[in-house]
Amino acid sequence: MVDVRMKMLDESDFDTILSNDMEFTGDAKFVNPVMIKGKFSGNIQSSGDLYIGDDAVVKAALNAGGVSVRGKVTGDITSDTVVELHSSAAVTGDITAPAMAMESGAVFNGTSRMISAGDDDEQ
């Protein structure tokens, strides 16, 4: 089993945090790492890393540098580097990434596609 790469982070490590008492609906684009602790619905497009907190509920298509999930995600996830599903994660949707790590206890309902960095979807 692959070890989860991303370290446990503190809120002080982030410029942007969607706190646990916030709900956001719409599209988000960002470059620096973002942590979602609340509810998000829509689409996320980013070259930076995305962290989904333990109590977060995300209903969105996610496309980010790296994606680390501890909460609930409904929607497809695409990553340029790695998707990590921690033991508290629950993901319903497809995952496309060069690497994927899943801790025991994580729930994943979907398909995964492992692609090399820089590959396009057409093969």
PDB file of N, CA and C in Angstrom:
ATOM      1  N   MET A   1       0.843  -1.180   0.000  1.00  0.00           N
ATOM      2  CA  MET A   1       0.000   0.000   0.000  1.00  0.00           C
ATOM      3  C   MET A   1       0.890   1.246   0.000  1.00  0.00           C
ATOM      4  N   VAL A   2       0.480   2.245  -0.722  1.00  0.00           N
ATOM      5  CA  VAL A   2       1.247   3.482  -0.845  1.00  0.00           C
ATOM      6  C   VAL A   2       1.014   4.374   0.368  1.00  0.00           C
ATOM      7  N   ASP A   3       2.082   4.946   0.895  1.00  0.00           N
ATOM      8  CA  ASP A   3       1.934   5.891   1.996  1.00  0.00           C
ATOM      9  C   ASP A   3       1.347   7.194   1.484  1.00  0.00           C
ATOM     10  N   VAL A   4       0.521   7.811   2.304  1.00  0.00           N
ATOM     11  CA  VAL A   4      -0.049   9.098   1.938  1.00  0.00           C
ATOM     12  C   VAL A   4       1.047  10.144   2.052  1.00  0.00           C
ATOM     13  N   ARG A   5       1.243  10.925   1.008  1.00  0.00           N
ATOM     14  CA  ARG A   5       2.370  11.834   0.870  1.00  0.00           C
ATOM     15  C   ARG A   5       2.157  13.163   1.571  1.00  0.00           C
ATOM     16  N   MET A   6       0.994  13.768   1.448  1.00  0.00           N
ATOM     17  CA  MET A   6       0.790  15.108   1.976  1.00  0.00           C
ATOM     18  C   MET A   6       0.704  15.077   3.494  1.00  0.00           C
ATOM     19  N   LYS A   7       1.448  15.969   4.106  1.00  0.00           N
ATOM     20  CA  LYS A   7       1.476  16.020   5.569  1.00  0.00           C
ATOM     21  C   LYS A   7       0.203  16.666   6.111  1.00  0.00           C
ATOM     22  N   MET A   8      -0.052  16.422   7.380  1.00  0.00           N
ATOM     23  CA  MET A   8      -1.171  17.072   8.052  1.00  0.00           C
ATOM     24  C   MET A   8      -0.850  18.550   8.150  1.00  0.00           C
ATOM     25  N   LEU A   9      -1.750  19.376   7.707  1.00  0.00           N
ATOM     26  CA  LEU A   9      -1.485  20.811   7.663  1.00  0.00           C
ATOM     27  C   LEU A   9      -2.348  21.562   8.651  1.00  0.00           C
ATOM     28  N   ASP A  10      -1.841  22.687   9.073  1.00  0.00           N
ATOM     29  CA  ASP A  10      -2.542  23.577   9.980  1.00  0.00           C
ATOM     30  C   ASP A  10      -3.153  24.708   9.168  1.00  0.00           C
ATOM     31  N   GLU A  11      -4.208  25.313   9.678  1.00  0.00           N
ATOM     32  CA  GLU A  11      -4.843  26.430   8.980  1.00  0.00           C
ATOM     33  C   GLU A  11      -3.865  27.561   8.692  1.00  0.00           C
ATOM     34  N   SER A  12      -2.864  27.724   9.511  1.00  0.00           N
ATOM     35  CA  SER A  12      -1.898  28.809   9.298  1.00  0.00           C
ATOM     36  C   SER A  12      -1.043  28.579   8.046  1.00  0.00           C
ATOM     37  N   ASP A  13      -1.081  27.360   7.475  1.00  0.00           N
ATOM     38  CA  ASP A  13      -0.333  27.056   6.262  1.00  0.00           C
ATOM     39  C   ASP A  13      -1.031  27.534   4.983  1.00  0.00           C
ATOM     40  N   PHE A  14      -2.260  28.057   5.118  1.00  0.00           N
ATOM     41  CA  PHE A  14      -3.061  28.418   3.955  1.00  0.00           C
ATOM     42  C   PHE A  14      -3.386  29.903   3.918  1.00  0.00           C
ATOM     43  N   ASP A  15      -3.365  30.446   2.703  1.00  0.00           N
ATOM     44  CA  ASP A  15      -3.844  31.811   2.499  1.00  0.00           C
ATOM     45  C   ASP A  15      -5.363  31.834   2.436  1.00  0.00           C
ATOM     46  N   THR A  16      -5.958  30.751   1.903  1.00  0.00           N
ATOM     47  CA  THR A  16      -7.404  30.702   1.693  1.00  0.00           C
ATOM     48  C   THR A  16      -7.996  29.453   2.319  1.00  0.00           C
ATOM     49  N   ILE A  17      -9.018  29.654   3.157  1.00  0.00           N
ATOM     50  CA  ILE A  17      -9.735  28.554   3.802  1.00  0.00           C
ATOM     51  C   ILE A  17     -11.227  28.855   3.730  1.00  0.00           C
ATOM     52  N   LEU A  18     -11.979  27.906   3.220  1.00  0.00           N
ATOM     53  CA  LEU A  18     -13.432  27.994   3.287  1.00  0.00           C
ATOM     54  C   LEU A  18     -13.803  27.324   4.603  1.00  0.00           C
ATOM     55  N   SER A  19     -14.135  28.125   5.609  1.00  0.00           N
ATOM     56  CA  SER A  19     -14.321  27.593   6.964  1.00  0.00           C
ATOM     57  C   SER A  19     -15.555  26.705   7.063  1.00  0.00           C
ATOM     58  N   ASN A  20     -15.629  25.950   8.157  1.00  0.00           N
ATOM     59  CA  ASN A  20     -16.684  24.953   8.319  1.00  0.00           C
ATOM     60  C   ASN A  20     -18.080  25.537   8.460  1.00  0.00           C
ATOM     61  N   ASP A  21     -18.216  26.838   8.711  1.00  0.00           N
ATOM     62  CA  ASP A  21     -19.545  27.432   8.813  1.00  0.00           C
ATOM     63  C   ASP A  21     -19.958  28.148   7.523  1.00  0.00           C
ATOM     64  N   MET A  22     -19.199  27.932   6.436  1.00  0.00           N
ATOM     65  CA  MET A  22     -19.498  28.600   5.167  1.00  0.00           C
ATOM     66  C   MET A  22     -19.986  27.616   4.116  1.00  0.00           C
ATOM     67  N   GLU A  23     -20.881  28.110   3.257  1.00  0.00           N
ATOM     68  CA  GLU A  23     -21.342  27.367   2.091  1.00  0.00           C
ATOM     69  C   GLU A  23     -21.074  28.229   0.871  1.00  0.00           C
ATOM     70  N   PHE A  24     -20.508  27.615  -0.175  1.00  0.00           N
ATOM     71  CA  PHE A  24     -20.190  28.347  -1.398  1.00  0.00           C
ATOM     72  C   PHE A  24     -20.725  27.565  -2.584  1.00  0.00           C
ATOM     73  N   THR A  25     -21.380  28.274  -3.507  1.00  0.00           N
ATOM     74  CA  THR A  25     -21.851  27.674  -4.746  1.00  0.00           C
ATOM     75  C   THR A  25     -21.312  28.502  -5.899  1.00  0.00           C
ATOM     76  N   GLY A  26     -20.675  27.840  -6.862  1.00  0.00           N
ATOM     77  CA  GLY A  26     -20.132  28.538  -8.019  1.00  0.00           C
ATOM     78  C   GLY A  26     -18.846  27.901  -8.493  1.00  0.00           C
ATOM     79  N   ASP A  27     -18.078  28.665  -9.261  1.00  0.00           N
ATOM     80  CA  ASP A  27     -16.806  28.191  -9.789  1.00  0.00           C
ATOM     81  C   ASP A  27     -15.660  28.863  -9.050  1.00  0.00           C
ATOM     82  N   ALA A  28     -14.610  28.096  -8.772  1.00  0.00           N
ATOM     83  CA  ALA A  28     -13.437  28.647  -8.086  1.00  0.00           C
ATOM     84  C   ALA A  28     -12.187  28.338  -8.896  1.00  0.00           C
ATOM     85  N   LYS A  29     -11.322  29.336  -9.020  1.00  0.00           N
ATOM     86  CA  LYS A  29     -10.020  29.174  -9.659  1.00  0.00           C
ATOM     87  C   LYS A  29      -8.984  29.750  -8.710  1.00  0.00           C
ATOM     88  N   PHE A  30      -7.856  29.038  -8.541  1.00  0.00           N
ATOM     89  CA  PHE A  30      -6.814  29.520  -7.641  1.00  0.00           C
ATOM     90  C   PHE A  30      -5.478  28.916  -8.020  1.00  0.00           C
ATOM     91  N   VAL A  31      -4.411  29.490  -7.470  1.00  0.00           N
ATOM     92  CA  VAL A  31      -3.052  29.016  -7.726  1.00  0.00           C
ATOM     93  C   VAL A  31      -2.419  28.479  -6.450  1.00  0.00           C
ATOM     94  N   ASN A  32      -2.561  29.193  -5.348  1.00  0.00           N
ATOM     95  CA  ASN A  32      -1.984  28.770  -4.064  1.00  0.00           C
ATOM     96  C   ASN A  32      -2.864  27.704  -3.414  1.00  0.00           C
ATOM     97  N   PRO A  33      -2.304  26.888  -2.514  1.00  0.00           N
ATOM     98  CA  PRO A  33      -3.088  25.844  -1.853  1.00  0.00           C
ATOM     99  C   PRO A  33      -4.323  26.401  -1.138  1.00  0.00           C
ATOM    100  N   VAL A  34      -5.421  25.644  -1.227  1.00  0.00           N
ATOM    101  CA  VAL A  34      -6.694  26.026  -0.611  1.00  0.00           C
ATOM    102  C   VAL A  34      -7.196  24.859   0.224  1.00  0.00           C
ATOM    103  N   MET A  35      -7.787  25.188   1.375  1.00  0.00           N
ATOM    104  CA  MET A  35      -8.415  24.189   2.228  1.00  0.00           C
ATOM    105  C   MET A  35      -9.918  24.472   2.290  1.00  0.00           C
ATOM    106  N   ILE A  36     -10.708  23.429   2.063  1.00  0.00           N
ATOM    107  CA  ILE A  36     -12.153  23.541   2.209  1.00  0.00           C
ATOM    108  C   ILE A  36     -12.559  22.769   3.449  1.00  0.00           C
ATOM    109  N   LYS A  37     -13.184  23.464   4.380  1.00  0.00           N
ATOM    110  CA  LYS A  37     -13.674  22.834   5.607  1.00  0.00           C
ATOM    111  C   LYS A  37     -15.199  22.843   5.654  1.00  0.00           C
ATOM    112  N   GLY A  38     -15.819  23.672   4.805  1.00  0.00           N
ATOM    113  CA  GLY A  38     -17.273  23.815   4.790  1.00  0.00           C
ATOM    114  C   GLY A  38     -17.899  23.066   3.636  1.00  0.00           C
ATOM    115  N   LYS A  39     -18.930  23.700   3.039  1.00  0.00           N
ATOM    116  CA  LYS A  39     -19.653  23.089   1.928  1.00  0.00           C
ATOM    117  C   LYS A  39     -19.352  23.863   0.655  1.00  0.00           C
ATOM    118  N   PHE A  40     -19.078  23.121  -0.421  1.00  0.00           N
ATOM    119  CA  PHE A  40     -18.782  23.731  -1.710  1.00  0.00           C
ATOM    120  C   PHE A  40     -19.532  22.967  -2.783  1.00  0.00           C
ATOM    121  N   SER A  41     -20.214  23.709  -3.667  1.00  0.00           N
ATOM    122  CA  SER A  41     -20.889  23.114  -4.822  1.00  0.00           C
ATOM    123  C   SER A  41     -20.493  23.889  -6.055  1.00  0.00           C
ATOM    124  N   GLY A  42     -20.146  23.188  -7.136  1.00  0.00           N
ATOM    125  CA  GLY A  42     -19.784  23.868  -8.371  1.00  0.00           C
ATOM    126  C   GLY A  42     -18.620  23.197  -9.056  1.00  0.00           C
ATOM    127  N   ASN A  43     -17.614  23.993  -9.418  1.00  0.00           N
ATOM    128  CA  ASN A  43     -16.424  23.502 -10.111  1.00  0.00           C
ATOM    129  C   ASN A  43     -15.186  24.170  -9.530  1.00  0.00           C
ATOM    130  N   ILE A  44     -14.099  23.398  -9.484  1.00  0.00           N
ATOM    131  CA  ILE A  44     -12.824  23.941  -9.022  1.00  0.00           C
ATOM    132  C   ILE A  44     -11.776  23.657 -10.083  1.00  0.00           C
ATOM    133  N   GLN A  45     -11.057  24.693 -10.469  1.00  0.00           N
ATOM    134  CA  GLN A  45      -9.962  24.595 -11.443  1.00  0.00           C
ATOM    135  C   GLN A  45      -8.743  25.249 -10.806  1.00  0.00           C
ATOM    136  N   SER A  46      -7.633  24.488 -10.684  1.00  0.00           N
ATOM    137  CA  SER A  46      -6.475  25.040 -10.004  1.00  0.00           C
ATOM    138  C   SER A  46      -5.182  24.360 -10.423  1.00  0.00           C
ATOM    139  N   SER A  47      -4.113  25.130 -10.417  1.00  0.00           N
ATOM    140  CA  SER A  47      -2.790  24.533 -10.568  1.00  0.00           C
ATOM    141  C   SER A  47      -2.200  24.251  -9.187  1.00  0.00           C
ATOM    142  N   GLY A  48      -2.814  24.793  -8.138  1.00  0.00           N
ATOM    143  CA  GLY A  48      -2.366  24.570  -6.767  1.00  0.00           C
ATOM    144  C   GLY A  48      -3.025  23.345  -6.158  1.00  0.00           C
ATOM    145  N   ASP A  49      -2.593  23.001  -4.953  1.00  0.00           N
ATOM    146  CA  ASP A  49      -3.132  21.845  -4.251  1.00  0.00           C
ATOM    147  C   ASP A  49      -4.445  22.191  -3.558  1.00  0.00           C
ATOM    148  N   LEU A  50      -5.300  21.178  -3.447  1.00  0.00           N
ATOM    149  CA  LEU A  50      -6.609  21.326  -2.815  1.00  0.00           C
ATOM    150  C   LEU A  50      -6.720  20.326  -1.681  1.00  0.00           C
ATOM    151  N   TYR A  51      -7.091  20.808  -0.520  1.00  0.00           N
ATOM    152  CA  TYR A  51      -7.264  19.981   0.674  1.00  0.00           C
ATOM    153  C   TYR A  51      -8.715  20.039   1.103  1.00  0.00           C
ATOM    154  N   ILE A  52      -9.347  18.876   1.227  1.00  0.00           N
ATOM    155  CA  ILE A  52     -10.740  18.766   1.646  1.00  0.00           C
ATOM    156  C   ILE A  52     -10.724  18.267   3.085  1.00  0.00           C
ATOM    157  N   GLY A  53     -11.183  19.103   4.028  1.00  0.00           N
ATOM    158  CA  GLY A  53     -11.130  18.780   5.452  1.00  0.00           C
ATOM    159  C   GLY A  53     -12.095  17.687   5.874  1.00  0.00           C
ATOM    160  N   ASP A  54     -11.926  17.213   7.100  1.00  0.00           N
ATOM    161  CA  ASP A  54     -12.709  16.102   7.651  1.00  0.00           C
ATOM    162  C   ASP A  54     -14.214  16.298   7.550  1.00  0.00           C
ATOM    163  N   ASP A  55     -14.709  17.470   7.853  1.00  0.00           N
ATOM    164  CA  ASP A  55     -16.148  17.721   7.881  1.00  0.00           C
ATOM    165  C   ASP A  55     -16.668  18.379   6.609  1.00  0.00           C
ATOM    166  N   ALA A  56     -15.814  18.554   5.615  1.00  0.00           N
ATOM    167  CA  ALA A  56     -16.209  19.213   4.370  1.00  0.00           C
ATOM    168  C   ALA A  56     -17.143  18.327   3.552  1.00  0.00           C
ATOM    169  N   VAL A  57     -18.063  18.992   2.847  1.00  0.00           N
ATOM    170  CA  VAL A  57     -18.959  18.325   1.913  1.00  0.00           C
ATOM    171  C   VAL A  57     -18.831  19.065   0.585  1.00  0.00           C
ATOM    172  N   VAL A  58     -18.281  18.375  -0.414  1.00  0.00           N
ATOM    173  CA  VAL A  58     -18.002  18.995  -1.707  1.00  0.00           C
ATOM    174  C   VAL A  58     -18.769  18.251  -2.790  1.00  0.00           C
ATOM    175  N   LYS A  59     -19.561  19.009  -3.544  1.00  0.00           N
ATOM    176  CA  LYS A  59     -20.277  18.466  -4.711  1.00  0.00           C
ATOM    177  C   LYS A  59     -19.794  19.268  -5.896  1.00  0.00           C
ATOM    178  N   ALA A  60     -18.737  18.754  -6.547  1.00  0.00           N
ATOM    179  CA  ALA A  60     -18.086  19.545  -7.587  1.00  0.00           C
ATOM    180  C   ALA A  60     -17.191  18.682  -8.449  1.00  0.00           C
ATOM    181  N   ALA A  61     -16.915  19.179  -9.650  1.00  0.00           N
ATOM    182  CA  ALA A  61     -15.856  18.628 -10.478  1.00  0.00           C
ATOM    183  C   ALA A  61     -14.576  19.312 -10.029  1.00  0.00           C
ATOM    184  N   LEU A  62     -13.562  18.524  -9.663  1.00  0.00           N
ATOM    185  CA  LEU A  62     -12.316  19.060  -9.138  1.00  0.00           C
ATOM    186  C   LEU A  62     -11.177  18.803 -10.118  1.00  0.00           C
ATOM    187  N   ASN A  63     -10.417  19.837 -10.420  1.00  0.00           N
ATOM    188  CA  ASN A  63      -9.235  19.712 -11.253  1.00  0.00           C
ATOM    189  C   ASN A  63      -8.160  20.555 -10.599  1.00  0.00           C
ATOM    190  N   ALA A  64      -7.174  19.897  -9.984  1.00  0.00           N
ATOM    191  CA  ALA A  64      -6.171  20.631  -9.200  1.00  0.00           C
ATOM    192  C   ALA A  64      -4.810  19.956  -9.312  1.00  0.00           C
ATOM    193  N   GLY A  65      -3.795  20.659  -8.813  1.00  0.00           N
ATOM    194  CA  GLY A  65      -2.442  20.106  -8.803  1.00  0.00           C
ATOM    195  C   GLY A  65      -2.409  18.796  -8.054  1.00  0.00           C
ATOM    196  N   GLY A  66      -2.611  18.843  -6.762  1.00  0.00           N
ATOM    197  CA  GLY A  66      -2.735  17.666  -5.909  1.00  0.00           C
ATOM    198  C   GLY A  66      -4.040  17.782  -5.146  1.00  0.00           C
ATOM    199  N   VAL A  67      -4.661  16.655  -4.828  1.00  0.00           N
ATOM    200  CA  VAL A  67      -5.934  16.675  -4.106  1.00  0.00           C
ATOM    201  C   VAL A  67      -5.822  15.715  -2.928  1.00  0.00           C
ATOM    202  N   SER A  68      -6.072  16.232  -1.742  1.00  0.00           N
ATOM    203  CA  SER A  68      -6.050  15.434  -0.526  1.00  0.00           C
ATOM    204  C   SER A  68      -7.441  15.505   0.106  1.00  0.00           C
ATOM    205  N   VAL A  69      -8.087  14.346   0.267  1.00  0.00           N
ATOM    206  CA  VAL A  69      -9.482  14.308   0.725  1.00  0.00           C
ATOM    207  C   VAL A  69      -9.577  13.623   2.076  1.00  0.00           C
ATOM    208  N   ARG A  70     -10.199  14.315   3.017  1.00  0.00           N
ATOM    209  CA  ARG A  70     -10.535  13.751   4.327  1.00  0.00           C
ATOM    210  C   ARG A  70     -12.040  13.749   4.547  1.00  0.00           C
ATOM    211  N   GLY A  71     -12.774  14.548   3.790  1.00  0.00           N
ATOM    212  CA  GLY A  71     -14.228  14.671   3.920  1.00  0.00           C
ATOM    213  C   GLY A  71     -14.960  13.939   2.817  1.00  0.00           C
ATOM    214  N   LYS A  72     -16.128  14.496   2.428  1.00  0.00           N
ATOM    215  CA  LYS A  72     -16.982  13.869   1.417  1.00  0.00           C
ATOM    216  C   LYS A  72     -16.915  14.651   0.112  1.00  0.00           C
ATOM    217  N   VAL A  73     -16.705  13.928  -0.981  1.00  0.00           N
ATOM    218  CA  VAL A  73     -16.682  14.528  -2.311  1.00  0.00           C
ATOM    219  C   VAL A  73     -17.606  13.730  -3.217  1.00  0.00           C
ATOM    220  N   THR A  74     -18.509  14.445  -3.881  1.00  0.00           N
ATOM    221  CA  THR A  74     -19.328  13.862  -4.928  1.00  0.00           C
ATOM    222  C   THR A  74     -18.989  14.608  -6.201  1.00  0.00           C
ATOM    223  N   GLY A  75     -18.361  13.918  -7.145  1.00  0.00           N
ATOM    224  CA  GLY A  75     -17.937  14.531  -8.395  1.00  0.00           C
ATOM    225  C   GLY A  75     -16.606  13.961  -8.820  1.00  0.00           C
ATOM    226  N   ASP A  76     -16.280  14.176 -10.080  1.00  0.00           N
ATOM    227  CA  ASP A  76     -15.035  13.658 -10.626  1.00  0.00           C
ATOM    228  C   ASP A  76     -13.843  14.484 -10.152  1.00  0.00           C
ATOM    229  N   ILE A  77     -12.726  13.805  -9.916  1.00  0.00           N
ATOM    230  CA  ILE A  77     -11.490  14.446  -9.470  1.00  0.00           C
ATOM    231  C   ILE A  77     -10.405  14.190 -10.502  1.00  0.00           C
ATOM    232  N   THR A  78      -9.764  15.260 -10.957  1.00  0.00           N
ATOM    233  CA  THR A  78      -8.614  15.158 -11.846  1.00  0.00           C
ATOM    234  C   THR A  78      -7.456  15.893 -11.183  1.00  0.00           C
ATOM    235  N   SER A  79      -6.301  15.233 -11.125  1.00  0.00           N
ATOM    236  CA  SER A  79      -5.126  15.817 -10.478  1.00  0.00           C
ATOM    237  C   SER A  79      -3.922  15.717 -11.403  1.00  0.00           C
ATOM    238  N   ASP A  80      -3.073  16.743 -11.338  1.00  0.00           N
ATOM    239  CA  ASP A  80      -1.824  16.737 -12.100  1.00  0.00           C
ATOM    240  C   ASP A  80      -0.757  15.868 -11.443  1.00  0.00           C
ATOM    241  N   THR A  81      -0.894  15.604 -10.132  1.00  0.00           N
ATOM    242  CA  THR A  81       0.151  14.873  -9.415  1.00  0.00           C
ATOM    243  C   THR A  81      -0.371  13.657  -8.655  1.00  0.00           C
ATOM    244  N   VAL A  82      -1.231  13.879  -7.658  1.00  0.00           N
ATOM    245  CA  VAL A  82      -1.678  12.768  -6.818  1.00  0.00           C
ATOM    246  C   VAL A  82      -3.046  13.085  -6.203  1.00  0.00           C
ATOM    247  N   VAL A  83      -3.834  12.034  -6.015  1.00  0.00           N
ATOM    248  CA  VAL A  83      -5.076  12.123  -5.251  1.00  0.00           C
ATOM    249  C   VAL A  83      -4.890  11.228  -4.039  1.00  0.00           C
ATOM    250  N   GLU A  84      -5.114  11.798  -2.859  1.00  0.00           N
ATOM    251  CA  GLU A  84      -4.976  11.051  -1.613  1.00  0.00           C
ATOM    252  C   GLU A  84      -6.326  10.964  -0.921  1.00  0.00           C
ATOM    253  N   LEU A  85      -6.719   9.756  -0.575  1.00  0.00           N
ATOM    254  CA  LEU A  85      -7.954   9.530   0.164  1.00  0.00           C
ATOM    255  C   LEU A  85      -7.567   9.034   1.550  1.00  0.00           C
ATOM    256  N   HIS A  86      -7.761   9.884   2.534  1.00  0.00           N
ATOM    257  CA  HIS A  86      -7.439   9.535   3.914  1.00  0.00           C
ATOM    258  C   HIS A  86      -8.544   8.657   4.483  1.00  0.00           C
ATOM    259  N   SER A  87      -8.335   8.094   5.650  1.00  0.00           N
ATOM    260  CA  SER A  87      -9.259   7.105   6.216  1.00  0.00           C
ATOM    261  C   SER A  87     -10.683   7.633   6.409  1.00  0.00           C
ATOM    262  N   SER A  88     -10.855   8.945   6.571  1.00  0.00           N
ATOM    263  CA  SER A  88     -12.183   9.524   6.770  1.00  0.00           C
ATOM    264  C   SER A  88     -12.847   9.958   5.465  1.00  0.00           C
ATOM    265  N   ALA A  89     -12.177   9.755   4.327  1.00  0.00           N
ATOM    266  CA  ALA A  89     -12.688  10.216   3.030  1.00  0.00           C
ATOM    267  C   ALA A  89     -13.820   9.337   2.518  1.00  0.00           C
ATOM    268  N   ALA A  90     -14.761   9.988   1.812  1.00  0.00           N
ATOM    269  CA  ALA A  90     -15.820   9.289   1.092  1.00  0.00           C
ATOM    270  C   ALA A  90     -15.964   9.992  -0.256  1.00  0.00           C
ATOM    271  N   VAL A  91     -15.599   9.296  -1.328  1.00  0.00           N
ATOM    272  CA  VAL A  91     -15.620   9.885  -2.662  1.00  0.00           C
ATOM    273  C   VAL A  91     -16.536   9.070  -3.563  1.00  0.00           C
ATOM    274  N   THR A  92     -17.471   9.767  -4.218  1.00  0.00           N
ATOM    275  CA  THR A  92     -18.321   9.176  -5.236  1.00  0.00           C
ATOM    276  C   THR A  92     -18.054   9.937  -6.517  1.00  0.00           C
ATOM    277  N   GLY A  93     -17.346   9.295  -7.439  1.00  0.00           N
ATOM    278  CA  GLY A  93     -16.973   9.924  -8.698  1.00  0.00           C
ATOM    279  C   GLY A  93     -15.703   9.288  -9.213  1.00  0.00           C
ATOM    280  N   ASP A  94     -15.350   9.635 -10.431  1.00  0.00           N
ATOM    281  CA  ASP A  94     -14.165   9.065 -11.057  1.00  0.00           C
ATOM    282  C   ASP A  94     -12.924   9.881 -10.716  1.00  0.00           C
ATOM    283  N   ILE A  95     -11.782   9.202 -10.651  1.00  0.00           N
ATOM    284  CA  ILE A  95     -10.508   9.847 -10.336  1.00  0.00           C
ATOM    285  C   ILE A  95      -9.532   9.608 -11.478  1.00  0.00           C
ATOM    286  N   THR A  96      -8.903  10.688 -11.945  1.00  0.00           N
ATOM    287  CA  THR A  96      -7.859  10.604 -12.961  1.00  0.00           C
ATOM    288  C   THR A  96      -6.625  11.321 -12.426  1.00  0.00           C
ATOM    289  N   ALA A  97      -5.512  10.602 -12.324  1.00  0.00           N
ATOM    290  CA  ALA A  97      -4.285  11.174 -11.761  1.00  0.00           C
ATOM    291  C   ALA A  97      -3.106  10.246 -12.064  1.00  0.00           C
ATOM    292  N   PRO A  98      -1.889  10.792 -12.058  1.00  0.00           N
ATOM    293  CA  PRO A  98      -0.713   9.941 -12.227  1.00  0.00           C
ATOM    294  C   PRO A  98      -0.494   8.987 -11.048  1.00  0.00           C
ATOM    295  N   ALA A  99      -0.946   9.387  -9.846  1.00  0.00           N
ATOM    296  CA  ALA A  99      -0.763   8.558  -8.649  1.00  0.00           C
ATOM    297  C   ALA A  99      -1.967   8.713  -7.736  1.00  0.00           C
ATOM    298  N   MET A 100      -2.237   7.648  -6.985  1.00  0.00           N
ATOM    299  CA  MET A 100      -3.351   7.673  -6.047  1.00  0.00           C
ATOM    300  C   MET A 100      -2.946   6.894  -4.806  1.00  0.00           C
ATOM    301  N   ALA A 101      -3.291   7.423  -3.638  1.00  0.00           N
ATOM    302  CA  ALA A 101      -3.027   6.743  -2.373  1.00  0.00           C
ATOM    303  C   ALA A 101      -4.323   6.706  -1.579  1.00  0.00           C
ATOM    304  N   MET A 102      -4.589   5.553  -0.950  1.00  0.00           N
ATOM    305  CA  MET A 102      -5.826   5.416  -0.197  1.00  0.00           C
ATOM    306  C   MET A 102      -5.537   4.721   1.127  1.00  0.00           C
ATOM    307  N   GLU A 103      -5.894   5.389   2.224  1.00  0.00           N
ATOM    308  CA  GLU A 103      -5.742   4.783   3.545  1.00  0.00           C
ATOM    309  C   GLU A 103      -6.880   3.805   3.801  1.00  0.00           C
ATOM    310  N   SER A 104      -6.615   2.838   4.648  1.00  0.00           N
ATOM    311  CA  SER A 104      -7.639   1.907   5.074  1.00  0.00           C
ATOM    312  C   SER A 104      -8.783   2.676   5.727  1.00  0.00           C
ATOM    313  N   GLY A 105     -10.003   2.353   5.347  1.00  0.00           N
ATOM    314  CA  GLY A 105     -11.181   3.039   5.882  1.00  0.00           C
ATOM    315  C   GLY A 105     -11.785   4.028   4.914  1.00  0.00           C
ATOM    316  N   ALA A 106     -11.021   4.470   3.930  1.00  0.00           N
ATOM    317  CA  ALA A 106     -11.548   5.390   2.919  1.00  0.00           C
ATOM    318  C   ALA A 106     -12.579   4.658   2.069  1.00  0.00           C
ATOM    319  N   VAL A 107     -13.585   5.409   1.615  1.00  0.00           N
ATOM    320  CA  VAL A 107     -14.622   4.857   0.751  1.00  0.00           C
ATOM    321  C   VAL A 107     -14.493   5.520  -0.612  1.00  0.00           C
ATOM    322  N   PHE A 108     -14.410   4.710  -1.670  1.00  0.00           N
ATOM    323  CA  PHE A 108     -14.291   5.225  -3.035  1.00  0.00           C
ATOM    324  C   PHE A 108     -15.235   4.446  -3.935  1.00  0.00           C
ATOM    325  N   ASN A 109     -16.229   5.144  -4.488  1.00  0.00           N
ATOM    326  CA  ASN A 109     -17.178   4.553  -5.418  1.00  0.00           C
ATOM    327  C   ASN A 109     -17.036   5.259  -6.750  1.00  0.00           C
ATOM    328  N   GLY A 110     -16.356   4.631  -7.675  1.00  0.00           N
ATOM    329  CA  GLY A 110     -16.112   5.201  -8.986  1.00  0.00           C
ATOM    330  C   GLY A 110     -15.025   4.404  -9.677  1.00  0.00           C
ATOM    331  N   THR A 111     -14.500   4.976 -10.742  1.00  0.00           N
ATOM    332  CA  THR A 111     -13.400   4.339 -11.442  1.00  0.00           C
ATOM    333  C   THR A 111     -12.171   5.221 -11.317  1.00  0.00           C
ATOM    334  N   SER A 112     -11.002   4.599 -11.408  1.00  0.00           N
ATOM    335  CA  SER A 112      -9.774   5.381 -11.371  1.00  0.00           C
ATOM    336  C   SER A 112      -9.000   5.138 -12.658  1.00  0.00           C
ATOM    337  N   ARG A 113      -8.357   6.192 -13.100  1.00  0.00           N
ATOM    338  CA  ARG A 113      -7.531   6.122 -14.309  1.00  0.00           C
ATOM    339  C   ARG A 113      -6.195   6.745 -13.969  1.00  0.00           C
ATOM    340  N   MET A 114      -5.152   5.938 -14.063  1.00  0.00           N
ATOM    341  CA  MET A 114      -3.806   6.403 -13.756  1.00  0.00           C
ATOM    342  C   MET A 114      -3.138   6.796 -15.067  1.00  0.00           C
ATOM    343  N   ILE A 115      -2.760   8.059 -15.168  1.00  0.00           N
ATOM    344  CA  ILE A 115      -2.098   8.546 -16.376  1.00  0.00           C
ATOM    345  C   ILE A 115      -0.773   9.177 -16.000  1.00  0.00           C
ATOM    346  N   SER A 116       0.164   9.166 -16.911  1.00  0.00           N
ATOM    347  CA  SER A 116       1.441   9.834 -16.679  1.00  0.00           C
ATOM    348  C   SER A 116       1.238  11.340 -16.726  1.00  0.00           C
ATOM    349  N   ALA A 117       2.001  12.051 -15.943  1.00  0.00           N
ATOM    350  CA  ALA A 117       1.928  13.508 -15.968  1.00  0.00           C
ATOM    351  C   ALA A 117       2.172  13.987 -17.384  1.00  0.00           C
ATOM    352  N   GLY A 118       1.315  14.866 -17.870  1.00  0.00           N
ATOM    353  CA  GLY A 118       1.465  15.420 -19.208  1.00  0.00           C
ATOM    354  C   GLY A 118       0.692  14.662 -20.269  1.00  0.00           C
ATOM    355  N   ASP A 119       0.171  13.456 -19.951  1.00  0.00           N
ATOM    356  CA  ASP A 119      -0.645  12.723 -20.928  1.00  0.00           C
ATOM    357  C   ASP A 119      -1.976  13.421 -21.095  1.00  0.00           C
ATOM    358  N   ASP A 120      -2.536  13.328 -22.300  1.00  0.00           N
ATOM    359  CA  ASP A 120      -3.876  13.868 -22.485  1.00  0.00           C
ATOM    360  C   ASP A 120      -4.884  12.739 -22.310  1.00  0.00           C
ATOM    361  N   ASP A 121      -6.154  13.075 -22.362  1.00  0.00           N
ATOM    362  CA  ASP A 121      -7.205  12.071 -22.160  1.00  0.00           C
ATOM    363  C   ASP A 121      -7.383  11.147 -23.355  1.00  0.00           C
ATOM    364  N   GLU A 122      -6.881  11.516 -24.496  1.00  0.00           N
ATOM    365  CA  GLU A 122      -7.068  10.714 -25.705  1.00  0.00           C
ATOM    366  C   GLU A 122      -5.948   9.698 -25.830  1.00  0.00           C
ATOM    367  N   GLN A 123      -6.249   8.425 -25.630  1.00  0.00           N
ATOM    368  CA  GLN A 123      -5.271   7.345 -25.812  1.00  0.00           C
ATOM    369  C   GLN A 123      -5.904   6.213 -26.539  1.00  0.00           C
TER     370      GLN A 123
END
